[in-house]
Amino acid sequence: MPTSVLYAMGAVNRTVRELVETRYEFAEPFVIDSPLVRERLGAVATPVEEALARTVDAYRTRGK
């Protein structure tokens, strides 16, 4: 969708307005340096397979 259309829609929709603000994040892939994050913040990345399985499980059990 053209940026000009997103700006017009953003005038009446807060979510679309935020999309315009973050559009640059989707222009190119980004690389996360997990060793640096681990060293500085102590955060450990969850393996993709585990994160996906947990997300699917959460959706399946939602509302039960």
PDB file of N, CA and C in Angstrom:
ATOM      1  N   MET A   1       0.849  -1.161   0.000  1.00  0.00           N
ATOM      2  CA  MET A   1       0.000   0.000   0.000  1.00  0.00           C
ATOM      3  C   MET A   1       0.905   1.237   0.000  1.00  0.00           C
ATOM      4  N   PRO A   2       0.603   2.199  -0.828  1.00  0.00           N
ATOM      5  CA  PRO A   2       1.440   3.409  -0.880  1.00  0.00           C
ATOM      6  C   PRO A   2       1.442   4.165   0.456  1.00  0.00           C
ATOM      7  N   THR A   3       2.557   4.766   0.758  1.00  0.00           N
ATOM      8  CA  THR A   3       2.702   5.503   2.009  1.00  0.00           C
ATOM      9  C   THR A   3       1.686   6.629   2.115  1.00  0.00           C
ATOM     10  N   SER A   4       1.392   7.285   1.008  1.00  0.00           N
ATOM     11  CA  SER A   4       0.426   8.395   1.049  1.00  0.00           C
ATOM     12  C   SER A   4      -0.953   7.914   1.499  1.00  0.00           C
ATOM     13  N   VAL A   5      -1.343   6.714   1.086  1.00  0.00           N
ATOM     14  CA  VAL A   5      -2.627   6.153   1.498  1.00  0.00           C
ATOM     15  C   VAL A   5      -2.594   5.829   2.991  1.00  0.00           C
ATOM     16  N   LEU A   6      -1.469   5.287   3.455  1.00  0.00           N
ATOM     17  CA  LEU A   6      -1.339   4.982   4.879  1.00  0.00           C
ATOM     18  C   LEU A   6      -1.410   6.256   5.718  1.00  0.00           C
ATOM     19  N   TYR A   7      -0.785   7.337   5.244  1.00  0.00           N
ATOM     20  CA  TYR A   7      -0.874   8.607   5.969  1.00  0.00           C
ATOM     21  C   TYR A   7      -2.317   9.084   6.051  1.00  0.00           C
ATOM     22  N   ALA A   8      -3.045   8.978   4.946  1.00  0.00           N
ATOM     23  CA  ALA A   8      -4.445   9.415   4.933  1.00  0.00           C
ATOM     24  C   ALA A   8      -5.277   8.565   5.896  1.00  0.00           C
ATOM     25  N   MET A   9      -5.083   7.264   5.861  1.00  0.00           N
ATOM     26  CA  MET A   9      -5.823   6.380   6.759  1.00  0.00           C
ATOM     27  C   MET A   9      -5.413   6.613   8.214  1.00  0.00           C
ATOM     28  N   GLY A  10      -4.143   6.938   8.428  1.00  0.00           N
ATOM     29  CA  GLY A  10      -3.636   7.184   9.761  1.00  0.00           C
ATOM     30  C   GLY A  10      -4.251   8.397  10.426  1.00  0.00           C
ATOM     31  N   ALA A  11      -4.813   9.293   9.622  1.00  0.00           N
ATOM     32  CA  ALA A  11      -5.465  10.476  10.184  1.00  0.00           C
ATOM     33  C   ALA A  11      -6.677  10.091  11.029  1.00  0.00           C
ATOM     34  N   VAL A  12      -7.276   8.938  10.739  1.00  0.00           N
ATOM     35  CA  VAL A  12      -8.475   8.513  11.466  1.00  0.00           C
ATOM     36  C   VAL A  12      -8.304   7.187  12.204  1.00  0.00           C
ATOM     37  N   ASN A  13      -7.147   6.540  12.017  1.00  0.00           N
ATOM     38  CA  ASN A  13      -6.942   5.231  12.635  1.00  0.00           C
ATOM     39  C   ASN A  13      -5.561   5.185  13.281  1.00  0.00           C
ATOM     40  N   ARG A  14      -5.534   5.083  14.594  1.00  0.00           N
ATOM     41  CA  ARG A  14      -4.279   5.104  15.346  1.00  0.00           C
ATOM     42  C   ARG A  14      -3.362   3.943  14.966  1.00  0.00           C
ATOM     43  N   THR A  15      -3.906   2.770  14.751  1.00  0.00           N
ATOM     44  CA  THR A  15      -3.094   1.596  14.412  1.00  0.00           C
ATOM     45  C   THR A  15      -2.365   1.808  13.092  1.00  0.00           C
ATOM     46  N   VAL A  16      -3.070   2.332  12.110  1.00  0.00           N
ATOM     47  CA  VAL A  16      -2.443   2.595  10.816  1.00  0.00           C
ATOM     48  C   VAL A  16      -1.380   3.682  10.961  1.00  0.00           C
ATOM     49  N   ARG A  17      -1.650   4.671  11.790  1.00  0.00           N
ATOM     50  CA  ARG A  17      -0.680   5.738  12.031  1.00  0.00           C
ATOM     51  C   ARG A  17       0.615   5.151  12.594  1.00  0.00           C
ATOM     52  N   GLU A  18       0.503   4.190  13.504  1.00  0.00           N
ATOM     53  CA  GLU A  18       1.692   3.538  14.058  1.00  0.00           C
ATOM     54  C   GLU A  18       2.404   2.701  13.006  1.00  0.00           C
ATOM     55  N   LEU A  19       1.647   2.102  12.100  1.00  0.00           N
ATOM     56  CA  LEU A  19       2.246   1.319  11.023  1.00  0.00           C
ATOM     57  C   LEU A  19       3.150   2.200  10.161  1.00  0.00           C
ATOM     58  N   VAL A  20       2.697   3.411   9.882  1.00  0.00           N
ATOM     59  CA  VAL A  20       3.517   4.346   9.101  1.00  0.00           C
ATOM     60  C   VAL A  20       4.825   4.614   9.839  1.00  0.00           C
ATOM     61  N   GLU A  21       4.743   4.785  11.163  1.00  0.00           N
ATOM     62  CA  GLU A  21       5.931   5.076  11.970  1.00  0.00           C
ATOM     63  C   GLU A  21       6.943   3.931  11.954  1.00  0.00           C
ATOM     64  N   THR A  22       6.469   2.696  11.841  1.00  0.00           N
ATOM     65  CA  THR A  22       7.364   1.535  11.933  1.00  0.00           C
ATOM     66  C   THR A  22       7.596   0.852  10.586  1.00  0.00           C
ATOM     67  N   ARG A  23       7.139   1.443   9.521  1.00  0.00           N
ATOM     68  CA  ARG A  23       7.253   0.819   8.199  1.00  0.00           C
ATOM     69  C   ARG A  23       8.699   0.478   7.824  1.00  0.00           C
ATOM     70  N   TYR A  24       9.651   1.312   8.252  1.00  0.00           N
ATOM     71  CA  TYR A  24      11.056   1.072   7.927  1.00  0.00           C
ATOM     72  C   TYR A  24      11.543  -0.286   8.433  1.00  0.00           C
ATOM     73  N   GLU A  25      10.918  -0.784   9.499  1.00  0.00           N
ATOM     74  CA  GLU A  25      11.358  -2.053  10.067  1.00  0.00           C
ATOM     75  C   GLU A  25      11.110  -3.233   9.134  1.00  0.00           C
ATOM     76  N   PHE A  26      10.232  -3.058   8.164  1.00  0.00           N
ATOM     77  CA  PHE A  26       9.888  -4.144   7.258  1.00  0.00           C
ATOM     78  C   PHE A  26      10.544  -3.988   5.888  1.00  0.00           C
ATOM     79  N   ALA A  27      11.371  -2.956   5.724  1.00  0.00           N
ATOM     80  CA  ALA A  27      12.016  -2.696   4.435  1.00  0.00           C
ATOM     81  C   ALA A  27      13.136  -3.704   4.152  1.00  0.00           C
ATOM     82  N   GLU A  28      13.844  -4.106   5.183  1.00  0.00           N
ATOM     83  CA  GLU A  28      14.953  -5.049   5.038  1.00  0.00           C
ATOM     84  C   GLU A  28      14.957  -5.987   6.237  1.00  0.00           C
ATOM     85  N   PRO A  29      15.492  -7.191   6.053  1.00  0.00           N
ATOM     86  CA  PRO A  29      15.565  -8.090   7.216  1.00  0.00           C
ATOM     87  C   PRO A  29      16.551  -7.545   8.242  1.00  0.00           C
ATOM     88  N   PHE A  30      16.307  -7.841   9.513  1.00  0.00           N
ATOM     89  CA  PHE A  30      17.292  -7.427  10.480  1.00  0.00           C
ATOM     90  C   PHE A  30      17.900  -8.607  11.189  1.00  0.00           C
ATOM     91  N   VAL A  31      19.123  -8.379  11.662  1.00  0.00           N
ATOM     92  CA  VAL A  31      19.895  -9.422  12.321  1.00  0.00           C
ATOM     93  C   VAL A  31      20.009  -9.055  13.795  1.00  0.00           C
ATOM     94  N   ILE A  32      19.755 -10.018  14.636  1.00  0.00           N
ATOM     95  CA  ILE A  32      19.870  -9.787  16.070  1.00  0.00           C
ATOM     96  C   ILE A  32      21.121 -10.487  16.557  1.00  0.00           C
ATOM     97  N   ASP A  33      21.945  -9.759  17.256  1.00  0.00           N
ATOM     98  CA  ASP A  33      23.184 -10.306  17.782  1.00  0.00           C
ATOM     99  C   ASP A  33      22.903 -10.878  19.176  1.00  0.00           C
ATOM    100  N   SER A  34      22.471 -12.143  19.219  1.00  0.00           N
ATOM    101  CA  SER A  34      22.067 -12.707  20.503  1.00  0.00           C
ATOM    102  C   SER A  34      23.201 -12.832  21.523  1.00  0.00           C
ATOM    103  N   PRO A  35      24.441 -13.107  21.124  1.00  0.00           N
ATOM    104  CA  PRO A  35      25.487 -13.149  22.156  1.00  0.00           C
ATOM    105  C   PRO A  35      25.653 -11.803  22.875  1.00  0.00           C
ATOM    106  N   LEU A  36      25.501 -10.709  22.152  1.00  0.00           N
ATOM    107  CA  LEU A  36      25.625  -9.395  22.759  1.00  0.00           C
ATOM    108  C   LEU A  36      24.457  -9.126  23.710  1.00  0.00           C
ATOM    109  N   VAL A  37      23.264  -9.504  23.294  1.00  0.00           N
ATOM    110  CA  VAL A  37      22.082  -9.344  24.156  1.00  0.00           C
ATOM    111  C   VAL A  37      22.239 -10.202  25.405  1.00  0.00           C
ATOM    112  N   ARG A  38      22.706 -11.412  25.231  1.00  0.00           N
ATOM    113  CA  ARG A  38      22.907 -12.309  26.378  1.00  0.00           C
ATOM    114  C   ARG A  38      23.936 -11.722  27.341  1.00  0.00           C
ATOM    115  N   GLU A  39      25.028 -11.228  26.795  1.00  0.00           N
ATOM    116  CA  GLU A  39      26.095 -10.671  27.628  1.00  0.00           C
ATOM    117  C   GLU A  39      25.629  -9.430  28.391  1.00  0.00           C
ATOM    118  N   ARG A  40      24.943  -8.540  27.704  1.00  0.00           N
ATOM    119  CA  ARG A  40      24.574  -7.261  28.329  1.00  0.00           C
ATOM    120  C   ARG A  40      23.295  -7.321  29.153  1.00  0.00           C
ATOM    121  N   LEU A  41      22.342  -8.133  28.718  1.00  0.00           N
ATOM    122  CA  LEU A  41      21.043  -8.155  29.397  1.00  0.00           C
ATOM    123  C   LEU A  41      20.735  -9.470  30.100  1.00  0.00           C
ATOM    124  N   GLY A  42      21.516 -10.496  29.806  1.00  0.00           N
ATOM    125  CA  GLY A  42      21.259 -11.791  30.403  1.00  0.00           C
ATOM    126  C   GLY A  42      20.082 -12.520  29.779  1.00  0.00           C
ATOM    127  N   ALA A  43      19.611 -12.032  28.636  1.00  0.00           N
ATOM    128  CA  ALA A  43      18.474 -12.655  27.956  1.00  0.00           C
ATOM    129  C   ALA A  43      18.948 -13.822  27.103  1.00  0.00           C
ATOM    130  N   VAL A  44      18.173 -14.884  27.095  1.00  0.00           N
ATOM    131  CA  VAL A  44      18.499 -16.055  26.292  1.00  0.00           C
ATOM    132  C   VAL A  44      17.390 -16.241  25.258  1.00  0.00           C
ATOM    133  N   ALA A  45      17.785 -16.392  24.007  1.00  0.00           N
ATOM    134  CA  ALA A  45      16.813 -16.549  22.932  1.00  0.00           C
ATOM    135  C   ALA A  45      16.133 -17.908  23.016  1.00  0.00           C
ATOM    136  N   THR A  46      14.828 -17.917  22.762  1.00  0.00           N
ATOM    137  CA  THR A  46      14.065 -19.163  22.698  1.00  0.00           C
ATOM    138  C   THR A  46      14.206 -19.716  21.285  1.00  0.00           C
ATOM    139  N   PRO A  47      14.538 -20.989  21.145  1.00  0.00           N
ATOM    140  CA  PRO A  47      14.625 -21.570  19.804  1.00  0.00           C
ATOM    141  C   PRO A  47      13.298 -21.387  19.046  1.00  0.00           C
ATOM    142  N   VAL A  48      13.377 -21.149  17.754  1.00  0.00           N
ATOM    143  CA  VAL A  48      12.195 -20.868  16.934  1.00  0.00           C
ATOM    144  C   VAL A  48      11.158 -21.976  17.061  1.00  0.00           C
ATOM    145  N   GLU A  49      11.587 -23.224  17.020  1.00  0.00           N
ATOM    146  CA  GLU A  49      10.646 -24.341  17.094  1.00  0.00           C
ATOM    147  C   GLU A  49       9.859 -24.316  18.406  1.00  0.00           C
ATOM    148  N   GLU A  50      10.545 -24.034  19.507  1.00  0.00           N
ATOM    149  CA  GLU A  50       9.880 -23.976  20.805  1.00  0.00           C
ATOM    150  C   GLU A  50       8.920 -22.785  20.879  1.00  0.00           C
ATOM    151  N   ALA A  51       9.356 -21.640  20.388  1.00  0.00           N
ATOM    152  CA  ALA A  51       8.502 -20.449  20.414  1.00  0.00           C
ATOM    153  C   ALA A  51       7.240 -20.668  19.588  1.00  0.00           C
ATOM    154  N   LEU A  52       7.398 -21.281  18.438  1.00  0.00           N
ATOM    155  CA  LEU A  52       6.251 -21.560  17.576  1.00  0.00           C
ATOM    156  C   LEU A  52       5.286 -22.538  18.248  1.00  0.00           C
ATOM    157  N   ALA A  53       5.821 -23.597  18.824  1.00  0.00           N
ATOM    158  CA  ALA A  53       4.978 -24.592  19.497  1.00  0.00           C
ATOM    159  C   ALA A  53       4.229 -23.967  20.668  1.00  0.00           C
ATOM    160  N   ARG A  54       4.893 -23.132  21.443  1.00  0.00           N
ATOM    161  CA  ARG A  54       4.238 -22.484  22.581  1.00  0.00           C
ATOM    162  C   ARG A  54       3.156 -21.515  22.119  1.00  0.00           C
ATOM    163  N   THR A  55       3.427 -20.803  21.027  1.00  0.00           N
ATOM    164  CA  THR A  55       2.443 -19.850  20.498  1.00  0.00           C
ATOM    165  C   THR A  55       1.202 -20.574  19.996  1.00  0.00           C
ATOM    166  N   VAL A  56       1.406 -21.652  19.233  1.00  0.00           N
ATOM    167  CA  VAL A  56       0.278 -22.430  18.712  1.00  0.00           C
ATOM    168  C   VAL A  56      -0.521 -23.016  19.868  1.00  0.00           C
ATOM    169  N   ASP A  57       0.176 -23.549  20.865  1.00  0.00           N
ATOM    170  CA  ASP A  57      -0.508 -24.122  22.026  1.00  0.00           C
ATOM    171  C   ASP A  57      -1.335 -23.066  22.764  1.00  0.00           C
ATOM    172  N   ALA A  58      -0.799 -21.876  22.894  1.00  0.00           N
ATOM    173  CA  ALA A  58      -1.526 -20.799  23.578  1.00  0.00           C
ATOM    174  C   ALA A  58      -2.811 -20.455  22.832  1.00  0.00           C
ATOM    175  N   TYR A  59      -2.754 -20.426  21.508  1.00  0.00           N
ATOM    176  CA  TYR A  59      -3.959 -20.141  20.725  1.00  0.00           C
ATOM    177  C   TYR A  59      -4.986 -21.268  20.829  1.00  0.00           C
ATOM    178  N   ARG A  60      -4.488 -22.489  20.855  1.00  0.00           N
ATOM    179  CA  ARG A  60      -5.381 -23.645  20.937  1.00  0.00           C
ATOM    180  C   ARG A  60      -6.099 -23.715  22.285  1.00  0.00           C
ATOM    181  N   THR A  61      -5.406 -23.354  23.355  1.00  0.00           N
ATOM    182  CA  THR A  61      -6.006 -23.473  24.686  1.00  0.00           C
ATOM    183  C   THR A  61      -6.736 -22.207  25.121  1.00  0.00           C
ATOM    184  N   ARG A  62      -6.652 -21.171  24.333  1.00  0.00           N
ATOM    185  CA  ARG A  62      -7.301 -19.905  24.662  1.00  0.00           C
ATOM    186  C   ARG A  62      -8.821 -20.078  24.698  1.00  0.00           C
ATOM    187  N   GLY A  63      -9.421 -19.640  25.754  1.00  0.00           N
ATOM    188  CA  GLY A  63     -10.866 -19.695  25.859  1.00  0.00           C
ATOM    189  C   GLY A  63     -11.412 -21.012  26.368  1.00  0.00           C
ATOM    190  N   LYS A  64     -10.544 -21.964  26.676  1.00  0.00           N
ATOM    191  CA  LYS A  64     -11.024 -23.261  27.181  1.00  0.00           C
ATOM    192  C   LYS A  64     -11.159 -23.231  28.666  1.00  0.00           C
TER     193      LYS A  64
END
